[in-house]
């Protein structure tokens, strides 16, 4: 049983690491990962992410995020 439990833990950890690594492949996934890392798991799933169709020379493509809340002020943040 100890070996089976160890295998389950290793496989679970590998899946989590793989999903984290895959989040770098898409801008939308990267924004959702950023929201999740700031301890807002519900907002990371509910946020509506849309492209603004603009390319900033310094920051690159711009995206609008509806549903991203600032934890200190409670205000909604829009453009990321």
PDB file of N, CA and C in Angstrom:
ATOM      1  N   UNK A   1       0.806  -1.200   0.000  1.00  0.00           N
ATOM      2  CA  UNK A   1       0.000   0.000   0.000  1.00  0.00           C
ATOM      3  C   UNK A   1       0.852   1.269   0.000  1.00  0.00           C
ATOM      4  N   UNK A   2       2.010   1.231   0.624  1.00  0.00           N
ATOM      5  CA  UNK A   2       2.861   2.419   0.674  1.00  0.00           C
ATOM      6  C   UNK A   2       3.337   2.799  -0.710  1.00  0.00           C
ATOM      7  N   UNK A   3       3.648   1.797  -1.535  1.00  0.00           N
ATOM      8  CA  UNK A   3       4.113   2.072  -2.895  1.00  0.00           C
ATOM      9  C   UNK A   3       2.986   2.670  -3.719  1.00  0.00           C
ATOM     10  N   UNK A   4       1.793   2.146  -3.573  1.00  0.00           N
ATOM     11  CA  UNK A   4       0.640   2.658  -4.322  1.00  0.00           C
ATOM     12  C   UNK A   4       0.359   4.123  -3.948  1.00  0.00           C
ATOM     13  N   UNK A   5       0.441   4.443  -2.669  1.00  0.00           N
ATOM     14  CA  UNK A   5       0.216   5.817  -2.221  1.00  0.00           C
ATOM     15  C   UNK A   5       1.292   6.751  -2.769  1.00  0.00           C
ATOM     16  N   UNK A   6       2.521   6.287  -2.785  1.00  0.00           N
ATOM     17  CA  UNK A   6       3.629   7.083  -3.310  1.00  0.00           C
ATOM     18  C   UNK A   6       3.438   7.346  -4.802  1.00  0.00           C
ATOM     19  N   UNK A   7       2.993   6.346  -5.547  1.00  0.00           N
ATOM     20  CA  UNK A   7       2.763   6.499  -6.980  1.00  0.00           C
ATOM     21  C   UNK A   7       1.648   7.511  -7.230  1.00  0.00           C
ATOM     22  N   UNK A   8       0.595   7.447  -6.445  1.00  0.00           N
ATOM     23  CA  UNK A   8      -0.520   8.395  -6.600  1.00  0.00           C
ATOM     24  C   UNK A   8      -0.050   9.820  -6.337  1.00  0.00           C
ATOM     25  N   UNK A   9       0.761  10.020  -5.325  1.00  0.00           N
ATOM     26  CA  UNK A   9       1.273  11.354  -5.006  1.00  0.00           C
ATOM     27  C   UNK A   9       2.178  11.854  -6.127  1.00  0.00           C
ATOM     28  N   UNK A  10       3.049  11.005  -6.645  1.00  0.00           N
ATOM     29  CA  UNK A  10       3.969  11.407  -7.712  1.00  0.00           C
ATOM     30  C   UNK A  10       3.208  11.744  -8.985  1.00  0.00           C
ATOM     31  N   UNK A  11       2.229  10.936  -9.345  1.00  0.00           N
ATOM     32  CA  UNK A  11       1.441  11.185 -10.555  1.00  0.00           C
ATOM     33  C   UNK A  11       0.629  12.468 -10.400  1.00  0.00           C
ATOM     34  N   UNK A  12       0.054  12.680  -9.235  1.00  0.00           N
ATOM     35  CA  UNK A  12      -0.717  13.908  -8.993  1.00  0.00           C
ATOM     36  C   UNK A  12       0.171  15.145  -9.100  1.00  0.00           C
ATOM     37  N   UNK A  13       1.349  15.082  -8.524  1.00  0.00           N
ATOM     38  CA  UNK A  13       2.283  16.202  -8.603  1.00  0.00           C
ATOM     39  C   UNK A  13       2.717  16.447 -10.053  1.00  0.00           C
ATOM     40  N   UNK A  14       2.937  15.387 -10.811  1.00  0.00           N
ATOM     41  CA  UNK A  14       3.331  15.533 -12.210  1.00  0.00           C
ATOM     42  C   UNK A  14       2.223  16.177 -13.031  1.00  0.00           C
ATOM     43  N   UNK A  15       0.982  15.817 -12.771  1.00  0.00           N
ATOM     44  CA  UNK A  15      -0.151  16.417 -13.491  1.00  0.00           C
ATOM     45  C   UNK A  15      -0.262  17.903 -13.167  1.00  0.00           C
ATOM     46  N   UNK A  16      -0.091  18.261 -11.910  1.00  0.00           N
ATOM     47  CA  UNK A  16      -0.162  19.675 -11.517  1.00  0.00           C
ATOM     48  C   UNK A  16       0.942  20.475 -12.183  1.00  0.00           C
ATOM     49  N   UNK A  17       2.153  19.955 -12.198  1.00  0.00           N
ATOM     50  CA  UNK A  17       3.277  20.641 -12.840  1.00  0.00           C
ATOM     51  C   UNK A  17       3.043  20.763 -14.341  1.00  0.00           C
ATOM     52  N   UNK A  18       2.515  19.725 -14.958  1.00  0.00           N
ATOM     53  CA  UNK A  18       2.231  19.759 -16.389  1.00  0.00           C
ATOM     54  C   UNK A  18       1.170  20.805 -16.723  1.00  0.00           C
ATOM     55  N   UNK A  19       0.107  20.867 -15.944  1.00  0.00           N
ATOM     56  CA  UNK A  19      -0.927  21.877 -16.179  1.00  0.00           C
ATOM     57  C   UNK A  19      -0.385  23.288 -15.977  1.00  0.00           C
ATOM     58  N   UNK A  20       0.472  23.462 -14.990  1.00  0.00           N
ATOM     59  CA  UNK A  20       1.086  24.765 -14.761  1.00  0.00           C
ATOM     60  C   UNK A  20       1.958  25.155 -15.952  1.00  0.00           C
ATOM     61  N   UNK A  21       2.729  24.216 -16.479  1.00  0.00           N
ATOM     62  CA  UNK A  21       3.598  24.498 -17.626  1.00  0.00           C
ATOM     63  C   UNK A  21       2.775  24.800 -18.874  1.00  0.00           C
ATOM     64  N   UNK A  22       1.651  24.129 -19.055  1.00  0.00           N
ATOM     65  CA  UNK A  22       0.800  24.377 -20.223  1.00  0.00           C
ATOM     66  C   UNK A  22       0.149  25.750 -20.174  1.00  0.00           C
ATOM     67  N   UNK A  23       0.034  26.328 -18.997  1.00  0.00           N
ATOM     68  CA  UNK A  23      -0.614  27.634 -18.883  1.00  0.00           C
ATOM     69  C   UNK A  23       0.203  28.745 -19.536  1.00  0.00           C
ATOM     70  N   UNK A  24       1.455  28.491 -19.876  1.00  0.00           N
ATOM     71  CA  UNK A  24       2.285  29.493 -20.528  1.00  0.00           C
ATOM     72  C   UNK A  24       2.069  29.536 -22.040  1.00  0.00           C
ATOM     73  N   UNK A  25       1.300  28.608 -22.600  1.00  0.00           N
ATOM     74  CA  UNK A  25       1.141  28.514 -24.049  1.00  0.00           C
ATOM     75  C   UNK A  25       0.096  29.468 -24.609  1.00  0.00           C
ATOM     76  N   UNK A  26      -0.787  29.984 -23.802  1.00  0.00           N
ATOM     77  CA  UNK A  26      -1.864  30.844 -24.281  1.00  0.00           C
ATOM     78  C   UNK A  26      -1.920  32.103 -23.419  1.00  0.00           C
ATOM     79  N   UNK A  27      -2.140  33.273 -24.037  1.00  0.00           N
ATOM     80  CA  UNK A  27      -2.264  34.491 -23.229  1.00  0.00           C
ATOM     81  C   UNK A  27      -3.437  34.419 -22.252  1.00  0.00           C
ATOM     82  N   UNK A  28      -4.550  33.834 -22.677  1.00  0.00           N
ATOM     83  CA  UNK A  28      -5.706  33.725 -21.792  1.00  0.00           C
ATOM     84  C   UNK A  28      -5.391  32.833 -20.597  1.00  0.00           C
ATOM     85  N   UNK A  29      -4.739  31.722 -20.830  1.00  0.00           N
ATOM     86  CA  UNK A  29      -4.371  30.830 -19.725  1.00  0.00           C
ATOM     87  C   UNK A  29      -3.383  31.505 -18.779  1.00  0.00           C
ATOM     88  N   UNK A  30      -2.471  32.308 -19.349  1.00  0.00           N
ATOM     89  CA  UNK A  30      -1.491  33.009 -18.516  1.00  0.00           C
ATOM     90  C   UNK A  30      -2.181  34.021 -17.606  1.00  0.00           C
ATOM     91  N   UNK A  31      -3.169  34.731 -18.143  1.00  0.00           N
ATOM     92  CA  UNK A  31      -3.910  35.695 -17.324  1.00  0.00           C
ATOM     93  C   UNK A  31      -4.689  34.967 -16.239  1.00  0.00           C
ATOM     94  N   UNK A  32      -5.325  33.848 -16.593  1.00  0.00           N
ATOM     95  CA  UNK A  32      -6.079  33.079 -15.596  1.00  0.00           C
ATOM     96  C   UNK A  32      -5.141  32.531 -14.509  1.00  0.00           C
ATOM     97  N   UNK A  33      -3.939  32.085 -14.892  1.00  0.00           N
ATOM     98  CA  UNK A  33      -2.963  31.601 -13.909  1.00  0.00           C
ATOM     99  C   UNK A  33      -2.548  32.731 -12.975  1.00  0.00           C
ATOM    100  N   UNK A  34      -2.364  33.930 -13.536  1.00  0.00           N
ATOM    101  CA  UNK A  34      -1.993  35.089 -12.724  1.00  0.00           C
ATOM    102  C   UNK A  34      -3.084  35.400 -11.696  1.00  0.00           C
ATOM    103  N   UNK A  35      -4.348  35.351 -12.125  1.00  0.00           N
ATOM    104  CA  UNK A  35      -5.455  35.599 -11.205  1.00  0.00           C
ATOM    105  C   UNK A  35      -5.486  34.516 -10.124  1.00  0.00           C
ATOM    106  N   UNK A  36      -5.273  33.269 -10.523  1.00  0.00           N
ATOM    107  CA  UNK A  36      -5.268  32.157  -9.570  1.00  0.00           C
ATOM    108  C   UNK A  36      -4.132  32.289  -8.570  1.00  0.00           C
ATOM    109  N   UNK A  37      -2.958  32.728  -9.020  1.00  0.00           N
ATOM    110  CA  UNK A  37      -1.814  32.895  -8.128  1.00  0.00           C
ATOM    111  C   UNK A  37      -2.044  34.006  -7.108  1.00  0.00           C
ATOM    112  N   UNK A  38      -2.949  34.934  -7.401  1.00  0.00           N
ATOM    113  CA  UNK A  38      -3.284  35.995  -6.452  1.00  0.00           C
ATOM    114  C   UNK A  38      -4.489  35.610  -5.598  1.00  0.00           C
ATOM    115  N   UNK A  39      -4.666  34.290  -5.420  1.00  0.00           N
ATOM    116  CA  UNK A  39      -5.649  33.704  -4.499  1.00  0.00           C
ATOM    117  C   UNK A  39      -7.086  34.120  -4.813  1.00  0.00           C
ATOM    118  N   UNK A  40      -7.429  34.108  -6.106  1.00  0.00           N
ATOM    119  CA  UNK A  40      -8.790  34.379  -6.533  1.00  0.00           C
ATOM    120  C   UNK A  40      -9.251  33.244  -7.462  1.00  0.00           C
ATOM    121  N   UNK A  41      -9.428  32.038  -6.933  1.00  0.00           N
ATOM    122  CA  UNK A  41      -9.737  30.894  -7.801  1.00  0.00           C
ATOM    123  C   UNK A  41     -11.076  31.012  -8.521  1.00  0.00           C
ATOM    124  N   UNK A  42     -12.082  31.563  -7.870  1.00  0.00           N
ATOM    125  CA  UNK A  42     -13.386  31.701  -8.519  1.00  0.00           C
ATOM    126  C   UNK A  42     -13.299  32.725  -9.642  1.00  0.00           C
ATOM    127  N   UNK A  43     -12.621  33.850  -9.380  1.00  0.00           N
ATOM    128  CA  UNK A  43     -12.469  34.879 -10.409  1.00  0.00           C
ATOM    129  C   UNK A  43     -11.638  34.380 -11.581  1.00  0.00           C
ATOM    130  N   UNK A  44     -10.698  33.480 -11.336  1.00  0.00           N
ATOM    131  CA  UNK A  44      -9.890  32.962 -12.449  1.00  0.00           C
ATOM    132  C   UNK A  44     -10.735  32.132 -13.402  1.00  0.00           C
ATOM    133  N   UNK A  45     -11.806  31.538 -12.904  1.00  0.00           N
ATOM    134  CA  UNK A  45     -12.698  30.768 -13.768  1.00  0.00           C
ATOM    135  C   UNK A  45     -13.790  31.629 -14.392  1.00  0.00           C
ATOM    136  N   UNK A  46     -14.244  32.656 -13.680  1.00  0.00           N
ATOM    137  CA  UNK A  46     -15.357  33.475 -14.149  1.00  0.00           C
ATOM    138  C   UNK A  46     -14.935  34.670 -14.992  1.00  0.00           C
ATOM    139  N   UNK A  47     -13.687  35.064 -14.954  1.00  0.00           N
ATOM    140  CA  UNK A  47     -13.234  36.270 -15.656  1.00  0.00           C
ATOM    141  C   UNK A  47     -13.421  36.121 -17.166  1.00  0.00           C
ATOM    142  N   UNK A  48     -13.909  37.193 -17.778  1.00  0.00           N
ATOM    143  CA  UNK A  48     -14.058  37.230 -19.223  1.00  0.00           C
ATOM    144  C   UNK A  48     -12.864  37.974 -19.798  1.00  0.00           C
ATOM    145  N   UNK A  49     -12.099  37.305 -20.642  1.00  0.00           N
ATOM    146  CA  UNK A  49     -10.876  37.865 -21.203  1.00  0.00           C
ATOM    147  C   UNK A  49     -11.086  38.079 -22.695  1.00  0.00           C
ATOM    148  N   UNK A  50     -10.872  39.316 -23.138  1.00  0.00           N
ATOM    149  CA  UNK A  50     -11.020  39.624 -24.559  1.00  0.00           C
ATOM    150  C   UNK A  50      -9.842  40.477 -25.007  1.00  0.00           C
ATOM    151  N   UNK A  51      -9.470  40.321 -26.253  1.00  0.00           N
ATOM    152  CA  UNK A  51      -8.365  41.098 -26.793  1.00  0.00           C
ATOM    153  C   UNK A  51      -8.871  42.476 -27.200  1.00  0.00           C
ATOM    154  N   UNK A  52      -8.038  43.487 -27.013  1.00  0.00           N
ATOM    155  CA  UNK A  52      -8.414  44.844 -27.380  1.00  0.00           C
ATOM    156  C   UNK A  52      -8.065  45.142 -28.829  1.00  0.00           C
ATOM    157  N   UNK A  53      -7.314  44.273 -29.463  1.00  0.00           N
ATOM    158  CA  UNK A  53      -6.927  44.483 -30.849  1.00  0.00           C
ATOM    159  C   UNK A  53      -5.839  45.529 -31.016  1.00  0.00           C
ATOM    160  N   UNK A  54      -5.165  45.871 -29.940  1.00  0.00           N
ATOM    161  CA  UNK A  54      -4.100  46.866 -29.981  1.00  0.00           C
ATOM    162  C   UNK A  54      -2.787  46.218 -29.572  1.00  0.00           C
ATOM    163  N   UNK A  55      -1.713  46.704 -30.185  1.00  0.00           N
ATOM    164  CA  UNK A  55      -0.381  46.224 -29.829  1.00  0.00           C
ATOM    165  C   UNK A  55       0.419  47.410 -29.321  1.00  0.00           C
ATOM    166  N   UNK A  56       0.782  47.358 -28.056  1.00  0.00           N
ATOM    167  CA  UNK A  56       1.590  48.403 -27.447  1.00  0.00           C
ATOM    168  C   UNK A  56       3.056  48.093 -27.739  1.00  0.00           C
ATOM    169  N   UNK A  57       3.845  49.104 -28.142  1.00  0.00           N
ATOM    170  CA  UNK A  57       5.258  48.824 -28.446  1.00  0.00           C
ATOM    171  C   UNK A  57       6.051  48.317 -27.249  1.00  0.00           C
ATOM    172  N   UNK A  58       5.647  48.692 -26.045  1.00  0.00           N
ATOM    173  CA  UNK A  58       6.385  48.271 -24.852  1.00  0.00           C
ATOM    174  C   UNK A  58       5.842  46.977 -24.257  1.00  0.00           C
ATOM    175  N   UNK A  59       4.501  46.819 -24.209  1.00  0.00           N
ATOM    176  CA  UNK A  59       3.884  45.692 -23.518  1.00  0.00           C
ATOM    177  C   UNK A  59       3.356  44.603 -24.439  1.00  0.00           C
ATOM    178  N   UNK A  60       3.252  44.850 -25.722  1.00  0.00           N
ATOM    179  CA  UNK A  60       2.733  43.849 -26.644  1.00  0.00           C
ATOM    180  C   UNK A  60       1.220  43.914 -26.756  1.00  0.00           C
ATOM    181  N   UNK A  61       0.581  42.774 -27.009  1.00  0.00           N
ATOM    182  CA  UNK A  61      -0.874  42.721 -27.158  1.00  0.00           C
ATOM    183  C   UNK A  61      -1.555  43.068 -25.837  1.00  0.00           C
ATOM    184  N   UNK A  62      -2.654  43.821 -25.932  1.00  0.00           N
ATOM    185  CA  UNK A  62      -3.390  44.227 -24.744  1.00  0.00           C
ATOM    186  C   UNK A  62      -4.697  43.443 -24.657  1.00  0.00           C
ATOM    187  N   UNK A  63      -5.079  43.090 -23.436  1.00  0.00           N
ATOM    188  CA  UNK A  63      -6.286  42.302 -23.193  1.00  0.00           C
ATOM    189  C   UNK A  63      -7.144  43.004 -22.162  1.00  0.00           C
ATOM    190  N   UNK A  64      -8.461  42.865 -22.287  1.00  0.00           N
ATOM    191  CA  UNK A  64      -9.399  43.387 -21.306  1.00  0.00           C
ATOM    192  C   UNK A  64      -9.903  42.215 -20.466  1.00  0.00           C
ATOM    193  N   UNK A  65      -9.844  42.371 -19.151  1.00  0.00           N
ATOM    194  CA  UNK A  65     -10.255  41.305 -18.237  1.00  0.00           C
ATOM    195  C   UNK A  65     -11.399  41.823 -17.387  1.00  0.00           C
ATOM    196  N   UNK A  66     -12.593  41.267 -17.595  1.00  0.00           N
ATOM    197  CA  UNK A  66     -13.749  41.604 -16.769  1.00  0.00           C
ATOM    198  C   UNK A  66     -13.864  40.562 -15.666  1.00  0.00           C
ATOM    199  N   UNK A  67     -13.865  41.018 -14.427  1.00  0.00           N
ATOM    200  CA  UNK A  67     -13.994  40.102 -13.298  1.00  0.00           C
ATOM    201  C   UNK A  67     -12.744  40.006 -12.451  1.00  0.00           C
ATOM    202  N   UNK A  68     -11.699  40.757 -12.776  1.00  0.00           N
ATOM    203  CA  UNK A  68     -10.469  40.755 -11.979  1.00  0.00           C
ATOM    204  C   UNK A  68     -10.610  41.806 -10.884  1.00  0.00           C
ATOM    205  N   UNK A  69     -10.579  41.358  -9.641  1.00  0.00           N
ATOM    206  CA  UNK A  69     -10.784  42.254  -8.502  1.00  0.00           C
ATOM    207  C   UNK A  69      -9.461  42.517  -7.784  1.00  0.00           C
ATOM    208  N   UNK A  70      -9.269  43.778  -7.383  1.00  0.00           N
ATOM    209  CA  UNK A  70      -8.126  44.150  -6.562  1.00  0.00           C
ATOM    210  C   UNK A  70      -8.453  43.785  -5.123  1.00  0.00           C
ATOM    211  N   UNK A  71      -7.608  42.978  -4.495  1.00  0.00           N
ATOM    212  CA  UNK A  71      -7.910  42.480  -3.154  1.00  0.00           C
ATOM    213  C   UNK A  71      -7.816  43.563  -2.088  1.00  0.00           C
ATOM    214  N   UNK A  72      -6.992  44.581  -2.296  1.00  0.00           N
ATOM    215  CA  UNK A  72      -6.836  45.610  -1.268  1.00  0.00           C
ATOM    216  C   UNK A  72      -7.961  46.630  -1.293  1.00  0.00           C
ATOM    217  N   UNK A  73      -8.407  47.028  -2.491  1.00  0.00           N
ATOM    218  CA  UNK A  73      -9.439  48.057  -2.588  1.00  0.00           C
ATOM    219  C   UNK A  73     -10.819  47.496  -2.877  1.00  0.00           C
ATOM    220  N   UNK A  74     -10.890  46.300  -3.457  1.00  0.00           N
ATOM    221  CA  UNK A  74     -12.170  45.722  -3.825  1.00  0.00           C
ATOM    222  C   UNK A  74     -12.697  46.231  -5.144  1.00  0.00           C
ATOM    223  N   UNK A  75     -11.918  47.054  -5.843  1.00  0.00           N
ATOM    224  CA  UNK A  75     -12.324  47.578  -7.140  1.00  0.00           C
ATOM    225  C   UNK A  75     -12.004  46.588  -8.248  1.00  0.00           C
ATOM    226  N   UNK A  76     -12.750  46.694  -9.339  1.00  0.00           N
ATOM    227  CA  UNK A  76     -12.490  45.829 -10.481  1.00  0.00           C
ATOM    228  C   UNK A  76     -11.410  46.449 -11.347  1.00  0.00           C
ATOM    229  N   UNK A  77     -10.441  45.634 -11.736  1.00  0.00           N
ATOM    230  CA  UNK A  77      -9.379  46.065 -12.632  1.00  0.00           C
ATOM    231  C   UNK A  77      -9.719  45.592 -14.033  1.00  0.00           C
ATOM    232  N   UNK A  78      -9.449  46.395 -15.041  1.00  0.00           N
ATOM    233  CA  UNK A  78      -9.880  46.032 -16.384  1.00  0.00           C
ATOM    234  C   UNK A  78      -8.773  45.583 -17.307  1.00  0.00           C
ATOM    235  N   UNK A  79      -7.959  46.487 -17.762  1.00  0.00           N
ATOM    236  CA  UNK A  79      -6.965  46.172 -18.796  1.00  0.00           C
ATOM    237  C   UNK A  79      -5.735  45.523 -18.180  1.00  0.00           C
ATOM    238  N   UNK A  80      -5.297  44.444 -18.806  1.00  0.00           N
ATOM    239  CA  UNK A  80      -4.069  43.761 -18.379  1.00  0.00           C
ATOM    240  C   UNK A  80      -3.157  43.692 -19.572  1.00  0.00           C
TER     241      UNK A  80
END
